[in-house]
């Protein structure tokens, strides 16, 4: 999944059409002038979402917050191990 295709939700996700969801804790936040990245520890993996700094501020994201990353099935790429 590309980092730019993730949608982050803090709190109850509610009803949405995106079926791919990973819940995790924010482990790192990096902010630039306009865009930032939020890294989650989710399901024994690290997942990084690229979002606007305004979104980070609006969600009041801080390290340790529980969030859910959503993305559409069309954005999933599968690779066979080995």
N, C-alpha and C. Protein backbone atom coordinates (compact mmCIF):
# COMPACT_ATOMS: atom_id res chain seq x y z
N UNK A 1 0.84 -1.17 0.00
CA UNK A 1 0.00 0.00 0.00
C UNK A 1 0.89 1.24 0.00
N UNK A 2 0.56 2.19 -0.82
CA UNK A 2 1.30 3.46 -0.82
C UNK A 2 0.88 4.30 0.39
N UNK A 3 1.84 4.95 0.99
CA UNK A 3 1.58 5.77 2.17
C UNK A 3 0.55 6.85 1.89
N UNK A 4 0.48 7.31 0.66
CA UNK A 4 -0.46 8.39 0.31
C UNK A 4 -1.89 7.90 0.19
N UNK A 5 -2.10 6.60 0.20
CA UNK A 5 -3.46 6.05 0.02
C UNK A 5 -4.15 5.72 1.34
N UNK A 6 -3.48 5.90 2.46
CA UNK A 6 -4.07 5.60 3.76
C UNK A 6 -4.93 6.75 4.26
N UNK A 7 -5.98 6.40 4.97
CA UNK A 7 -6.84 7.35 5.66
C UNK A 7 -6.74 7.00 7.13
N UNK A 8 -6.43 7.98 7.97
CA UNK A 8 -6.31 7.73 9.40
C UNK A 8 -7.57 8.17 10.13
N UNK A 9 -7.99 7.35 11.08
CA UNK A 9 -9.16 7.66 11.91
C UNK A 9 -8.76 7.52 13.37
N UNK A 10 -9.17 8.48 14.16
CA UNK A 10 -8.94 8.43 15.60
C UNK A 10 -10.32 8.36 16.24
N UNK A 11 -10.55 7.36 17.06
CA UNK A 11 -11.86 7.16 17.64
C UNK A 11 -12.67 6.18 16.81
N UNK A 12 -13.98 6.20 16.96
CA UNK A 12 -14.85 5.26 16.27
C UNK A 12 -14.83 5.51 14.77
N UNK A 13 -14.58 4.44 14.01
CA UNK A 13 -14.51 4.55 12.55
C UNK A 13 -15.89 4.71 11.95
N UNK A 14 -16.88 4.02 12.48
CA UNK A 14 -18.23 4.09 11.93
C UNK A 14 -18.34 3.29 10.65
N UNK A 15 -19.35 3.57 9.87
CA UNK A 15 -19.60 2.84 8.63
C UNK A 15 -18.87 3.52 7.47
N UNK A 16 -17.99 2.79 6.83
CA UNK A 16 -17.27 3.27 5.65
C UNK A 16 -17.15 2.12 4.66
N UNK A 17 -16.93 2.43 3.41
CA UNK A 17 -16.84 1.39 2.39
C UNK A 17 -15.48 0.70 2.36
N UNK A 18 -14.45 1.35 2.88
CA UNK A 18 -13.11 0.75 2.89
C UNK A 18 -13.09 -0.46 3.80
N UNK A 19 -12.72 -1.61 3.27
CA UNK A 19 -12.74 -2.86 4.03
C UNK A 19 -11.41 -3.22 4.67
N UNK A 20 -10.35 -2.61 4.23
CA UNK A 20 -9.03 -2.92 4.75
C UNK A 20 -8.71 -1.96 5.89
N UNK A 21 -8.57 -2.53 7.08
CA UNK A 21 -8.36 -1.72 8.28
C UNK A 21 -7.25 -2.32 9.12
N UNK A 22 -6.38 -1.48 9.59
CA UNK A 22 -5.36 -1.89 10.54
C UNK A 22 -5.40 -0.92 11.71
N UNK A 23 -5.60 -1.44 12.90
CA UNK A 23 -5.56 -0.61 14.10
C UNK A 23 -4.18 -0.72 14.72
N UNK A 24 -3.72 0.37 15.27
CA UNK A 24 -2.41 0.36 15.91
C UNK A 24 -2.17 1.63 16.69
N UNK A 25 -0.99 1.70 17.26
CA UNK A 25 -0.58 2.87 18.04
C UNK A 25 0.41 3.70 17.25
N UNK A 26 0.27 5.00 17.36
CA UNK A 26 1.19 5.91 16.69
C UNK A 26 2.56 5.78 17.36
N UNK A 27 3.57 5.44 16.55
CA UNK A 27 4.92 5.31 17.09
C UNK A 27 5.81 6.48 16.69
N UNK A 28 5.44 7.17 15.62
CA UNK A 28 6.27 8.29 15.16
C UNK A 28 5.44 9.26 14.33
N UNK A 29 5.71 10.55 14.50
CA UNK A 29 5.08 11.60 13.71
C UNK A 29 6.18 12.53 13.21
N UNK A 30 6.20 12.76 11.91
CA UNK A 30 7.14 13.71 11.31
C UNK A 30 6.34 14.73 10.52
N UNK A 31 6.60 16.00 10.76
CA UNK A 31 5.88 17.06 10.06
C UNK A 31 6.84 17.92 9.26
N UNK A 32 6.46 18.17 8.01
CA UNK A 32 7.19 19.10 7.17
C UNK A 32 6.38 20.38 7.05
N UNK A 33 6.68 21.21 6.05
CA UNK A 33 5.94 22.46 5.88
C UNK A 33 4.45 22.25 5.58
N UNK A 34 4.11 21.26 4.79
CA UNK A 34 2.71 21.02 4.41
C UNK A 34 2.26 19.59 4.65
N UNK A 35 3.17 18.63 4.44
CA UNK A 35 2.84 17.21 4.58
C UNK A 35 3.61 16.60 5.74
N UNK A 36 3.06 15.53 6.25
CA UNK A 36 3.71 14.81 7.34
C UNK A 36 3.54 13.32 7.15
N UNK A 37 4.20 12.56 8.01
CA UNK A 37 4.03 11.11 7.99
C UNK A 37 3.74 10.65 9.41
N UNK A 38 2.86 9.67 9.49
CA UNK A 38 2.48 9.08 10.77
C UNK A 38 2.74 7.58 10.67
N UNK A 39 3.57 7.06 11.56
CA UNK A 39 3.90 5.64 11.55
C UNK A 39 3.15 4.96 12.68
N UNK A 40 2.52 3.83 12.34
CA UNK A 40 1.78 3.04 13.31
C UNK A 40 2.47 1.71 13.53
N UNK A 41 2.41 1.21 14.74
CA UNK A 41 2.74 -0.17 15.03
C UNK A 41 1.41 -0.91 15.01
N UNK A 42 1.20 -1.70 13.96
CA UNK A 42 -0.10 -2.35 13.75
C UNK A 42 0.09 -3.79 13.31
N UNK A 43 -0.55 -4.71 13.99
CA UNK A 43 -0.58 -6.12 13.58
C UNK A 43 0.83 -6.65 13.28
N UNK A 44 1.75 -6.43 14.18
CA UNK A 44 3.14 -6.89 14.06
C UNK A 44 3.85 -6.35 12.82
N UNK A 45 3.48 -5.14 12.42
CA UNK A 45 4.15 -4.48 11.30
C UNK A 45 4.12 -2.99 11.53
N UNK A 46 4.94 -2.29 10.78
CA UNK A 46 4.92 -0.82 10.79
C UNK A 46 4.21 -0.36 9.54
N UNK A 47 3.33 0.60 9.69
CA UNK A 47 2.57 1.14 8.58
C UNK A 47 2.72 2.65 8.64
N UNK A 48 3.12 3.26 7.53
CA UNK A 48 3.30 4.71 7.49
C UNK A 48 2.29 5.33 6.55
N UNK A 49 1.61 6.36 7.04
CA UNK A 49 0.63 7.10 6.24
C UNK A 49 1.15 8.51 6.00
N UNK A 50 1.04 8.97 4.77
CA UNK A 50 1.39 10.35 4.43
C UNK A 50 0.11 11.17 4.46
N UNK A 51 0.08 12.16 5.33
CA UNK A 51 -1.11 13.00 5.49
C UNK A 51 -0.68 14.46 5.60
N UNK A 52 -1.63 15.35 5.48
CA UNK A 52 -1.30 16.77 5.63
C UNK A 52 -1.02 17.09 7.10
N UNK A 53 -0.23 18.11 7.32
CA UNK A 53 0.02 18.56 8.68
C UNK A 53 -1.27 19.05 9.33
N UNK A 54 -2.15 19.61 8.53
CA UNK A 54 -3.45 20.06 9.05
C UNK A 54 -4.23 18.88 9.59
N UNK A 55 -4.19 17.72 8.90
CA UNK A 55 -4.89 16.53 9.38
C UNK A 55 -4.29 16.04 10.69
N UNK A 56 -2.97 16.07 10.80
CA UNK A 56 -2.31 15.67 12.05
C UNK A 56 -2.78 16.57 13.18
N UNK A 57 -2.83 17.87 12.92
CA UNK A 57 -3.28 18.83 13.93
C UNK A 57 -4.76 18.68 14.25
N UNK A 58 -5.60 18.51 13.22
CA UNK A 58 -7.05 18.37 13.43
C UNK A 58 -7.38 17.13 14.26
N UNK A 59 -6.66 16.03 14.02
CA UNK A 59 -6.87 14.80 14.78
C UNK A 59 -6.17 14.84 16.13
N UNK A 60 -5.37 15.88 16.36
CA UNK A 60 -4.58 16.02 17.59
C UNK A 60 -3.78 14.75 17.86
N UNK A 61 -3.11 14.27 16.81
CA UNK A 61 -2.35 13.03 16.93
C UNK A 61 -1.08 13.24 17.75
N UNK A 62 -0.84 12.31 18.65
CA UNK A 62 0.39 12.30 19.44
C UNK A 62 0.89 10.87 19.51
N UNK A 63 2.15 10.73 19.82
CA UNK A 63 2.75 9.41 19.96
C UNK A 63 1.99 8.63 21.02
N UNK A 64 1.66 7.37 20.71
CA UNK A 64 0.94 6.51 21.64
C UNK A 64 -0.56 6.46 21.39
N UNK A 65 -1.10 7.38 20.56
CA UNK A 65 -2.53 7.37 20.27
C UNK A 65 -2.92 6.09 19.52
N UNK A 66 -4.10 5.59 19.82
CA UNK A 66 -4.67 4.45 19.10
C UNK A 66 -5.42 5.00 17.89
N UNK A 67 -5.06 4.53 16.69
CA UNK A 67 -5.73 4.98 15.46
C UNK A 67 -5.99 3.78 14.55
N UNK A 68 -6.80 4.01 13.55
CA UNK A 68 -7.08 2.99 12.54
C UNK A 68 -6.71 3.56 11.18
N UNK A 69 -5.99 2.76 10.40
CA UNK A 69 -5.65 3.14 9.02
C UNK A 69 -6.58 2.37 8.10
N UNK A 70 -7.21 3.09 7.18
CA UNK A 70 -8.14 2.50 6.22
C UNK A 70 -7.59 2.67 4.82
N UNK A 71 -7.83 1.69 3.97
CA UNK A 71 -7.50 1.85 2.56
C UNK A 71 -8.34 0.91 1.73
N UNK A 72 -8.60 1.31 0.49
CA UNK A 72 -9.47 0.55 -0.42
C UNK A 72 -8.75 -0.68 -0.96
N UNK A 73 -9.53 -1.69 -1.29
CA UNK A 73 -8.98 -2.95 -1.80
C UNK A 73 -8.16 -2.75 -3.07
N UNK A 74 -8.50 -1.75 -3.85
CA UNK A 74 -7.76 -1.52 -5.10
C UNK A 74 -6.34 -1.03 -4.85
N UNK A 75 -6.03 -0.65 -3.62
CA UNK A 75 -4.69 -0.14 -3.28
C UNK A 75 -3.80 -1.20 -2.64
N UNK A 76 -4.30 -2.41 -2.49
CA UNK A 76 -3.54 -3.49 -1.87
C UNK A 76 -2.70 -4.22 -2.91
N UNK A 77 -1.42 -4.40 -2.62
CA UNK A 77 -0.53 -5.18 -3.45
C UNK A 77 -0.05 -6.38 -2.63
N UNK A 78 -0.09 -7.56 -3.22
CA UNK A 78 0.31 -8.77 -2.52
C UNK A 78 1.55 -9.36 -3.17
N UNK A 79 2.49 -9.75 -2.35
CA UNK A 79 3.72 -10.37 -2.84
C UNK A 79 3.90 -11.70 -2.14
N UNK A 80 4.21 -12.73 -2.90
CA UNK A 80 4.44 -14.06 -2.36
C UNK A 80 5.82 -14.09 -1.70
N UNK A 81 5.89 -14.63 -0.49
CA UNK A 81 7.16 -14.73 0.23
C UNK A 81 8.05 -15.77 -0.45
N UNK A 82 9.36 -15.54 -0.32
CA UNK A 82 10.32 -16.53 -0.82
C UNK A 82 10.71 -16.28 -2.17
